[in-house]
C-alpha atoms as a PDB file:
ATOM      1  CA  MET A   1       0.000   0.000   0.000  1.00  0.00           C
ATOM      2  CA  ALA A   2       1.241   3.444  -0.813  1.00  0.00           C
ATOM      3  CA  SER A   3       1.561   6.144   1.810  1.00  0.00           C
ATOM      4  CA  GLU A   4       0.084   9.609   1.310  1.00  0.00           C
ATOM      5  CA  GLN A   5       3.583  10.957   0.781  1.00  0.00           C
ATOM      6  CA  GLU A   6       4.265   8.409  -1.961  1.00  0.00           C
ATOM      7  CA  ARG A   7       0.980   9.290  -3.682  1.00  0.00           C
ATOM      8  CA  ARG A   8       2.040  12.960  -3.951  1.00  0.00           C
ATOM      9  CA  ASP A   9       4.897  12.154  -6.334  1.00  0.00           C
ATOM     10  CA  PRO A  10       3.546  12.392  -9.946  1.00  0.00           C
ATOM     11  CA  GLN A  11       5.699   9.520 -11.230  1.00  0.00           C
ATOM     12  CA  ARG A  12       4.721   7.288  -8.304  1.00  0.00           C
ATOM     13  CA  ARG A  13       1.035   8.224  -8.808  1.00  0.00           C
ATOM     14  CA  GLN A  14       1.253   7.012 -12.389  1.00  0.00           C
ATOM     15  CA  GLU A  15       2.754   3.669 -11.275  1.00  0.00           C
ATOM     16  CA  LEU A  16       0.114   3.264  -8.578  1.00  0.00           C
ATOM     17  CA  ASP A  17      -2.668   4.109 -11.007  1.00  0.00           C
ATOM     18  CA  GLN A  18      -1.445   1.343 -13.325  1.00  0.00           C
ATOM     19  CA  LYS A  19      -1.488  -1.160 -10.449  1.00  0.00           C
ATOM     20  CA  ALA A  20      -4.978  -0.027  -9.410  1.00  0.00           C
ATOM     21  CA  ARG A  21      -6.223  -0.441 -12.980  1.00  0.00           C
ATOM     22  CA  GLN A  22      -4.920  -4.028 -12.872  1.00  0.00           C
ATOM     23  CA  GLY A  23      -7.100  -4.695  -9.826  1.00  0.00           C
ATOM     24  CA  GLU A  24      -4.579  -4.163  -7.025  1.00  0.00           C
ATOM     25  CA  THR A  25      -5.605  -2.165  -3.980  1.00  0.00           C
ATOM     26  CA  VAL A  26      -2.942   0.525  -3.581  1.00  0.00           C
ATOM     27  CA  VAL A  27      -4.714   2.820  -1.082  1.00  0.00           C
ATOM     28  CA  PRO A  28      -5.623   1.548   2.409  1.00  0.00           C
ATOM     29  CA  GLY A  29      -9.424   1.497   2.532  1.00  0.00           C
ATOM     30  CA  GLY A  30      -9.709   1.869  -1.239  1.00  0.00           C
ATOM     31  CA  THR A  31     -10.699  -1.713  -2.023  1.00  0.00           C
ATOM     32  CA  GLY A  32     -12.932  -1.891  -5.078  1.00  0.00           C
ATOM     33  CA  GLY A  33     -11.688   1.275  -6.753  1.00  0.00           C
ATOM     34  CA  LYS A  34     -10.777   0.770 -10.413  1.00  0.00           C
ATOM     35  CA  ASN A  35      -8.051   3.445 -10.467  1.00  0.00           C
ATOM     36  CA  LEU A  36      -5.969   5.468  -8.010  1.00  0.00           C
ATOM     37  CA  ASP A  37      -8.394   8.418  -7.796  1.00  0.00           C
ATOM     38  CA  SER A  38     -11.413   6.197  -7.131  1.00  0.00           C
ATOM     39  CA  GLN A  39      -9.501   4.267  -4.445  1.00  0.00           C
ATOM     40  CA  GLU A  40      -8.578   7.547  -2.731  1.00  0.00           C
ATOM     41  CA  HIS A  41     -12.214   8.728  -2.851  1.00  0.00           C
ATOM     42  CA  LEU A  42     -13.495   5.406  -1.508  1.00  0.00           C
ATOM     43  CA  ALA A  43     -11.001   5.442   1.345  1.00  0.00           C
ATOM     44  CA  GLU A  44     -11.891   9.018   2.292  1.00  0.00           C
ATOM     45  CA  GLY A  45     -15.626   8.287   2.152  1.00  0.00           C
ATOM     46  CA  ARG A  46     -15.269   5.165   4.277  1.00  0.00           C
ATOM     47  CA  HIS A  47     -13.205   7.063   6.816  1.00  0.00           C
ATOM     48  CA  ARG A  48     -15.748   9.899   7.028  1.00  0.00           C
ATOM     49  CA  GLY A  49     -18.586   7.383   7.318  1.00  0.00           C
ATOM     50  CA  GLY A  50     -16.870   5.678  10.237  1.00  0.00           C
ATOM     51  CA  GLU A  51     -16.231   8.996  11.974  1.00  0.00           C
ATOM     52  CA  THR A  52     -19.878  10.037  11.537  1.00  0.00           C
ATOM     53  CA  ARG A  53     -21.084   6.722  12.959  1.00  0.00           C
ATOM     54  CA  LYS A  54     -18.728   7.106  15.918  1.00  0.00           C
ATOM     55  CA  GLU A  55     -20.163  10.561  16.633  1.00  0.00           C
ATOM     56  CA  GLN A  56     -23.735   9.231  16.406  1.00  0.00           C
ATOM     57  CA  LEU A  57     -23.179   6.299  18.761  1.00  0.00           C
ATOM     58  CA  GLY A  58     -20.733   7.858  21.210  1.00  0.00           C
ATOM     59  CA  HIS A  59     -17.659   5.993  22.451  1.00  0.00           C
ATOM     60  CA  GLU A  60     -19.442   3.160  24.292  1.00  0.00           C
ATOM     61  CA  GLY A  61     -22.000   2.597  21.548  1.00  0.00           C
ATOM     62  CA  TYR A  62     -19.301   2.523  18.903  1.00  0.00           C
ATOM     63  CA  GLN A  63     -17.306  -0.021  20.910  1.00  0.00           C
ATOM     64  CA  GLU A  64     -20.367  -2.270  21.255  1.00  0.00           C
ATOM     65  CA  ASP A  65     -21.354  -1.817  17.604  1.00  0.00           C
ATOM     66  CA  HIS A  66     -17.888  -2.913  16.474  1.00  0.00           C
ATOM     67  CA  ARG A  67     -17.576  -6.292  18.070  1.00  0.00           C
ATOM     68  CA  GLY A  68     -17.809  -8.001  14.688  1.00  0.00           C
ATOM     69  CA  GLY A  69     -14.543  -9.827  15.264  1.00  0.00           C
ATOM     70  CA  GLU A  70     -15.873 -11.323  18.480  1.00  0.00           C
ATOM     71  CA  THR A  71     -19.092 -12.417  16.782  1.00  0.00           C
ATOM     72  CA  ARG A  72     -17.162 -13.973  13.891  1.00  0.00           C
ATOM     73  CA  LYS A  73     -14.835 -15.710  16.348  1.00  0.00           C
ATOM     74  CA  GLU A  74     -17.840 -17.259  18.090  1.00  0.00           C
ATOM     75  CA  GLN A  75     -19.220 -18.438  14.727  1.00  0.00           C
ATOM     76  CA  LEU A  76     -15.994 -19.988  13.424  1.00  0.00           C
ATOM     77  CA  GLY A  77     -14.509 -21.332  16.631  1.00  0.00           C
ATOM     78  CA  HIS A  78     -10.842 -20.996  17.593  1.00  0.00           C
ATOM     79  CA  GLU A  79      -9.290 -22.939  14.687  1.00  0.00           C
ATOM     80  CA  GLY A  80     -11.487 -21.348  12.027  1.00  0.00           C
ATOM     81  CA  TYR A  81     -10.791 -17.862  13.334  1.00  0.00           C
ATOM     82  CA  GLN A  82      -7.071 -18.618  13.472  1.00  0.00           C
ATOM     83  CA  GLU A  83      -7.124 -19.805   9.856  1.00  0.00           C
ATOM     84  CA  LEU A  84      -9.055 -16.693   8.816  1.00  0.00           C
ATOM     85  CA  GLY A  85      -6.381 -14.520  10.423  1.00  0.00           C
ATOM     86  CA  GLN A  86      -3.588 -16.415   8.708  1.00  0.00           C
ATOM     87  CA  ARG A  87      -5.240 -16.050   5.302  1.00  0.00           C
ATOM     88  CA  GLY A  88      -5.750 -12.340   5.927  1.00  0.00           C
ATOM     89  CA  GLY A  89      -2.126 -11.932   6.944  1.00  0.00           C
ATOM     90  CA  GLU A  90      -0.926 -13.700   3.822  1.00  0.00           C
ATOM     91  CA  ALA A  91      -3.145 -11.544   1.614  1.00  0.00           C
ATOM     92  CA  ARG A  92      -1.865  -8.398   3.325  1.00  0.00           C
ATOM     93  CA  LYS A  93       1.726  -9.572   2.865  1.00  0.00           C
ATOM     94  CA  GLU A  94       1.081 -10.057  -0.867  1.00  0.00           C
ATOM     95  CA  GLN A  95      -0.495  -6.597  -1.163  1.00  0.00           C
ATOM     96  CA  LEU A  96       2.339  -4.814   0.575  1.00  0.00           C
ATOM     97  CA  GLY A  97       5.303  -6.760  -0.750  1.00  0.00           C
ATOM     98  CA  HIS A  98       8.499  -7.258   1.243  1.00  0.00           C
ATOM     99  CA  GLU A  99       9.363  -3.569   1.734  1.00  0.00           C
ATOM    100  CA  GLY A 100       5.802  -2.588   2.605  1.00  0.00           C
ATOM    101  CA  TYR A 101       5.510  -5.395   5.139  1.00  0.00           C
ATOM    102  CA  GLN A 102       8.829  -4.339   6.656  1.00  0.00           C
ATOM    103  CA  GLU A 103       7.603  -0.749   6.924  1.00  0.00           C
ATOM    104  CA  LEU A 104       4.374  -1.923   8.559  1.00  0.00           C
ATOM    105  CA  GLY A 105       6.370  -3.833  11.170  1.00  0.00           C
ATOM    106  CA  HIS A 106       8.621  -0.854  11.790  1.00  0.00           C
ATOM    107  CA  ARG A 107       5.633   1.472  12.313  1.00  0.00           C
ATOM    108  CA  GLY A 108       4.053  -1.053  14.667  1.00  0.00           C
ATOM    109  CA  GLY A 109       7.268  -1.291  16.659  1.00  0.00           C
ATOM    110  CA  GLU A 110       7.498   2.490  16.922  1.00  0.00           C
ATOM    111  CA  ALA A 111       3.890   2.719  18.106  1.00  0.00           C
ATOM    112  CA  ARG A 112       4.537   0.032  20.722  1.00  0.00           C
ATOM    113  CA  LYS A 113       7.661   1.870  21.886  1.00  0.00           C
ATOM    114  CA  GLU A 114       5.551   4.995  22.391  1.00  0.00           C
ATOM    115  CA  GLN A 115       2.896   3.026  24.280  1.00  0.00           C
ATOM    116  CA  ILE A 116       5.101   1.326  26.853  1.00  0.00           C
ATOM    117  CA  GLY A 117       8.250   3.433  26.890  1.00  0.00           C
ATOM    118  CA  HIS A 118      11.587   2.558  28.449  1.00  0.00           C
ATOM    119  CA  GLU A 119      10.088   1.269  31.722  1.00  0.00           C
ATOM    120  CA  GLY A 120       7.777  -1.109  29.909  1.00  0.00           C
ATOM    121  CA  TYR A 121      10.647  -2.647  27.989  1.00  0.00           C
ATOM    122  CA  GLN A 122      12.653  -2.960  31.212  1.00  0.00           C
ATOM    123  CA  GLU A 123       9.858  -4.909  32.911  1.00  0.00           C
ATOM    124  CA  MET A 124       9.358  -7.084  29.855  1.00  0.00           C
ATOM    125  CA  GLY A 125      13.091  -7.795  29.717  1.00  0.00           C
ATOM    126  CA  LYS A 126      13.163  -8.672  33.396  1.00  0.00           C
ATOM    127  CA  LYS A 127      10.465 -11.294  32.841  1.00  0.00           C
ATOM    128  CA  GLY A 128      12.063 -12.592  29.622  1.00  0.00           C
ATOM    129  CA  GLY A 129      15.451 -12.840  31.274  1.00  0.00           C
ATOM    130  CA  LEU A 130      14.033 -15.182  33.909  1.00  0.00           C
ATOM    131  CA  SER A 131      12.641 -17.680  31.398  1.00  0.00           C
ATOM    132  CA  THR A 132      14.367 -21.005  30.930  1.00  0.00           C
ATOM    133  CA  LYS A 133      13.787 -24.014  28.723  1.00  0.00           C
ATOM    134  CA  ASP A 134      11.591 -25.531  31.441  1.00  0.00           C
ATOM    135  CA  LYS A 135       9.774 -22.499  32.899  1.00  0.00           C
ATOM    136  CA  SER A 136       8.369 -19.216  31.697  1.00  0.00           C
ATOM    137  CA  GLY A 137       9.658 -15.962  33.146  1.00  0.00           C
ATOM    138  CA  GLY A 138       6.330 -15.460  34.910  1.00  0.00           C
ATOM    139  CA  GLU A 139       6.537 -18.856  36.610  1.00  0.00           C
ATOM    140  CA  ARG A 140      10.105 -18.249  37.782  1.00  0.00           C
ATOM    141  CA  ALA A 141       9.278 -14.752  39.004  1.00  0.00           C
ATOM    142  CA  ALA A 142       6.393 -16.129  41.083  1.00  0.00           C
ATOM    143  CA  GLU A 143       8.544 -18.945  42.522  1.00  0.00           C
ATOM    144  CA  GLU A 144      11.418 -16.650  43.401  1.00  0.00           C
ATOM    145  CA  GLY A 145       9.273 -13.795  44.686  1.00  0.00           C
ATOM    146  CA  ILE A 146      10.432 -11.358  42.021  1.00  0.00           C
ATOM    147  CA  GLU A 147       7.843  -8.686  41.360  1.00  0.00           C
ATOM    148  CA  ILE A 148       7.096  -7.871  37.745  1.00  0.00           C
ATOM    149  CA  ASP A 149       4.689  -5.050  37.001  1.00  0.00           C
ATOM    150  CA  GLU A 150       2.999  -6.272  33.827  1.00  0.00           C
ATOM    151  CA  SER A 151       0.809  -3.164  33.705  1.00  0.00           C
ATOM    152  CA  LYS A 152       3.883  -1.318  32.436  1.00  0.00           C
ATOM    153  CA  TYR A 153       3.815  -3.247  29.167  1.00  0.00           C
ATOM    154  CA  LYS A 154       0.390  -4.837  28.845  1.00  0.00           C
ATOM    155  CA  THR A 155      -2.383  -2.896  27.184  1.00  0.00           C
ATOM    156  CA  LYS A 156      -6.107  -3.521  27.672  1.00  0.00           C
ATOM    157  CA  SER A 157      -6.353  -5.479  24.430  1.00  0.00           C
ATOM    158  CA  ARG A 158      -3.395  -7.756  25.247  1.00  0.00           C
END
């Protein structure tokens, strides 16, 4: 997927338009667009639609309204949901290519670094450093009375 900055370059826009015309999604959220411009318009419209819905429902309502993943997980069961995730990951990897996938990982790592900071990584390292072939770091910490503050690196969704 191309970043906004990439899409500003006229030569890059032309390349991306060619890919879009061949059926590739080149703009995040632009699935279904037959060229670069239509993919950009679709993505913008979908984003605005989501923002409007969020405003209508409020934070709690929006959270409840968007539990589609949980519903699907209940329908498919653990293995089916796991397979669905793997297929989605493979498709995403194909869309982005090696460099794009690398960039995605880098951005994710940077976001995580911002979330937990230096202290979070210290606590995580403390726990990881205690792990052995036979026992997890958490098990050893509990046995040896070593306190590890997981709240420094765990987020609500993890």
